[in-house]
Amino acid sequence: MWVYLTYLCWAVCVGLGGWMLFDWYKIDTTYSEDTLTSSREGEIEAVSEKHKV
């Protein structure tokens, strides 16, 4: 019973690793490096925040 459970867990781990590699490849070929490293969200947050000292 436990042996089959460990095999199932290893299969899930291999499946998740494969999915991560596939997603990494898909994102890397779909978007440019400039798009992936842009900081538009950070700029929006920096403009909208008002700090009082």
N, C-alpha and C. Protein backbone atom coordinates (compact mmCIF):
# COMPACT_ATOMS: atom_id res chain seq x y z
N MET A 1 0.83 -1.19 0.00
CA MET A 1 0.00 0.00 0.00
C MET A 1 0.87 1.26 0.00
N TRP A 2 1.84 1.36 0.93
CA TRP A 2 2.69 2.54 1.03
C TRP A 2 3.59 2.68 -0.18
N VAL A 3 3.99 1.57 -0.75
CA VAL A 3 4.86 1.62 -1.93
C VAL A 3 4.12 2.27 -3.09
N TYR A 4 2.86 1.91 -3.27
CA TYR A 4 2.07 2.50 -4.35
C TYR A 4 1.82 3.98 -4.09
N LEU A 5 1.65 4.35 -2.85
CA LEU A 5 1.45 5.75 -2.51
C LEU A 5 2.71 6.58 -2.80
N THR A 6 3.87 6.02 -2.51
CA THR A 6 5.11 6.74 -2.83
C THR A 6 5.30 6.86 -4.34
N TYR A 7 4.96 5.81 -5.08
CA TYR A 7 5.05 5.91 -6.54
C TYR A 7 4.08 6.96 -7.07
N LEU A 8 2.90 7.04 -6.49
CA LEU A 8 1.93 8.05 -6.90
C LEU A 8 2.46 9.45 -6.60
N CYS A 9 3.06 9.64 -5.45
CA CYS A 9 3.62 10.94 -5.09
C CYS A 9 4.75 11.33 -6.03
N TRP A 10 5.62 10.38 -6.36
CA TRP A 10 6.69 10.67 -7.30
C TRP A 10 6.14 11.00 -8.69
N ALA A 11 5.08 10.32 -9.09
CA ALA A 11 4.47 10.62 -10.39
C ALA A 11 3.87 12.02 -10.40
N VAL A 12 3.25 12.42 -9.29
CA VAL A 12 2.71 13.77 -9.19
C VAL A 12 3.84 14.80 -9.26
N CYS A 13 4.94 14.54 -8.56
CA CYS A 13 6.08 15.45 -8.58
C CYS A 13 6.67 15.58 -9.98
N VAL A 14 6.82 14.48 -10.67
CA VAL A 14 7.35 14.51 -12.04
C VAL A 14 6.37 15.25 -12.95
N GLY A 15 5.08 15.01 -12.76
CA GLY A 15 4.08 15.71 -13.57
C GLY A 15 4.10 17.21 -13.35
N LEU A 16 4.20 17.64 -12.10
CA LEU A 16 4.27 19.07 -11.80
C LEU A 16 5.56 19.69 -12.34
N GLY A 17 6.67 18.98 -12.23
CA GLY A 17 7.93 19.47 -12.78
C GLY A 17 7.86 19.62 -14.29
N GLY A 18 7.26 18.64 -14.95
CA GLY A 18 7.09 18.72 -16.40
C GLY A 18 6.19 19.87 -16.81
N TRP A 19 5.13 20.08 -16.04
CA TRP A 19 4.22 21.18 -16.31
C TRP A 19 4.93 22.51 -16.14
N MET A 20 5.76 22.64 -15.10
CA MET A 20 6.52 23.87 -14.88
C MET A 20 7.49 24.13 -16.03
N LEU A 21 8.17 23.09 -16.50
CA LEU A 21 9.10 23.26 -17.62
C LEU A 21 8.37 23.64 -18.90
N PHE A 22 7.22 23.01 -19.14
CA PHE A 22 6.43 23.33 -20.32
C PHE A 22 5.93 24.78 -20.25
N ASP A 23 5.45 25.20 -19.09
CA ASP A 23 4.95 26.56 -18.93
C ASP A 23 6.08 27.58 -19.08
N TRP A 24 7.25 27.25 -18.53
CA TRP A 24 8.42 28.12 -18.67
C TRP A 24 8.76 28.30 -20.15
N TYR A 25 8.78 27.21 -20.90
CA TYR A 25 9.09 27.27 -22.33
C TYR A 25 8.02 28.07 -23.08
N LYS A 26 6.76 27.84 -22.76
CA LYS A 26 5.67 28.52 -23.43
C LYS A 26 5.72 30.03 -23.17
N ILE A 27 5.94 30.44 -21.93
CA ILE A 27 6.02 31.86 -21.58
C ILE A 27 7.26 32.48 -22.21
N ASP A 28 8.38 31.74 -22.19
CA ASP A 28 9.63 32.27 -22.73
C ASP A 28 9.54 32.50 -24.23
N THR A 29 8.81 31.66 -24.94
CA THR A 29 8.70 31.83 -26.39
C THR A 29 7.57 32.77 -26.78
N THR A 30 6.63 33.03 -25.88
CA THR A 30 5.50 33.88 -26.20
C THR A 30 5.79 35.35 -25.95
N TYR A 31 6.46 35.67 -24.84
CA TYR A 31 6.68 37.07 -24.45
C TYR A 31 8.16 37.43 -24.56
N SER A 32 8.41 38.71 -24.84
CA SER A 32 9.80 39.17 -24.93
C SER A 32 10.37 39.38 -23.53
N GLU A 33 11.68 39.50 -23.47
CA GLU A 33 12.36 39.71 -22.19
C GLU A 33 11.98 41.07 -21.59
N ASP A 34 11.76 42.07 -22.45
CA ASP A 34 11.36 43.39 -21.97
C ASP A 34 9.99 43.35 -21.30
N THR A 35 9.07 42.59 -21.86
CA THR A 35 7.74 42.48 -21.28
C THR A 35 7.80 41.76 -19.94
N LEU A 36 8.59 40.70 -19.88
CA LEU A 36 8.66 39.91 -18.64
C LEU A 36 9.36 40.65 -17.52
N THR A 37 10.26 41.57 -17.84
CA THR A 37 10.99 42.28 -16.79
C THR A 37 10.50 43.71 -16.59
N SER A 38 9.35 44.05 -17.19
CA SER A 38 8.83 45.41 -17.00
C SER A 38 8.32 45.57 -15.58
N SER A 39 8.30 46.82 -15.12
CA SER A 39 7.86 47.09 -13.75
C SER A 39 6.68 48.05 -13.73
N ARG A 40 5.76 47.85 -14.62
CA ARG A 40 4.61 48.75 -14.68
C ARG A 40 3.80 48.69 -13.40
N GLU A 41 3.63 47.51 -12.81
CA GLU A 41 2.87 47.41 -11.57
C GLU A 41 3.54 48.19 -10.45
N GLY A 42 4.85 48.11 -10.35
CA GLY A 42 5.58 48.85 -9.34
C GLY A 42 5.47 50.35 -9.54
N GLU A 43 5.49 50.78 -10.81
CA GLU A 43 5.35 52.21 -11.09
C GLU A 43 3.96 52.71 -10.72
N ILE A 44 2.95 51.92 -10.99
CA ILE A 44 1.59 52.30 -10.65
C ILE A 44 1.44 52.42 -9.14
N GLU A 45 1.99 51.46 -8.41
CA GLU A 45 1.90 51.49 -6.96
C GLU A 45 2.68 52.68 -6.39
N ALA A 46 3.84 52.99 -6.97
CA ALA A 46 4.65 54.10 -6.46
C ALA A 46 3.96 55.43 -6.69
N VAL A 47 3.25 55.58 -7.79
CA VAL A 47 2.56 56.83 -8.08
C VAL A 47 1.33 56.99 -7.20
N SER A 48 0.63 55.90 -6.93
CA SER A 48 -0.62 56.00 -6.19
C SER A 48 -0.42 56.11 -4.67
N GLU A 49 0.72 55.71 -4.16
CA GLU A 49 0.95 55.78 -2.72
C GLU A 49 1.40 57.18 -2.30
N LYS A 50 0.82 57.66 -1.24
CA LYS A 50 1.21 58.96 -0.71
C LYS A 50 1.60 58.76 0.75
N HIS A 51 2.87 59.02 1.06
CA HIS A 51 3.38 58.83 2.41
C HIS A 51 3.47 60.17 3.12
N LYS A 52 3.02 60.19 4.35
CA LYS A 52 3.15 61.39 5.18
C LYS A 52 4.24 61.15 6.20
N VAL A 53 5.16 62.11 6.31
CA VAL A 53 6.27 61.98 7.26
C VAL A 53 6.09 62.94 8.40
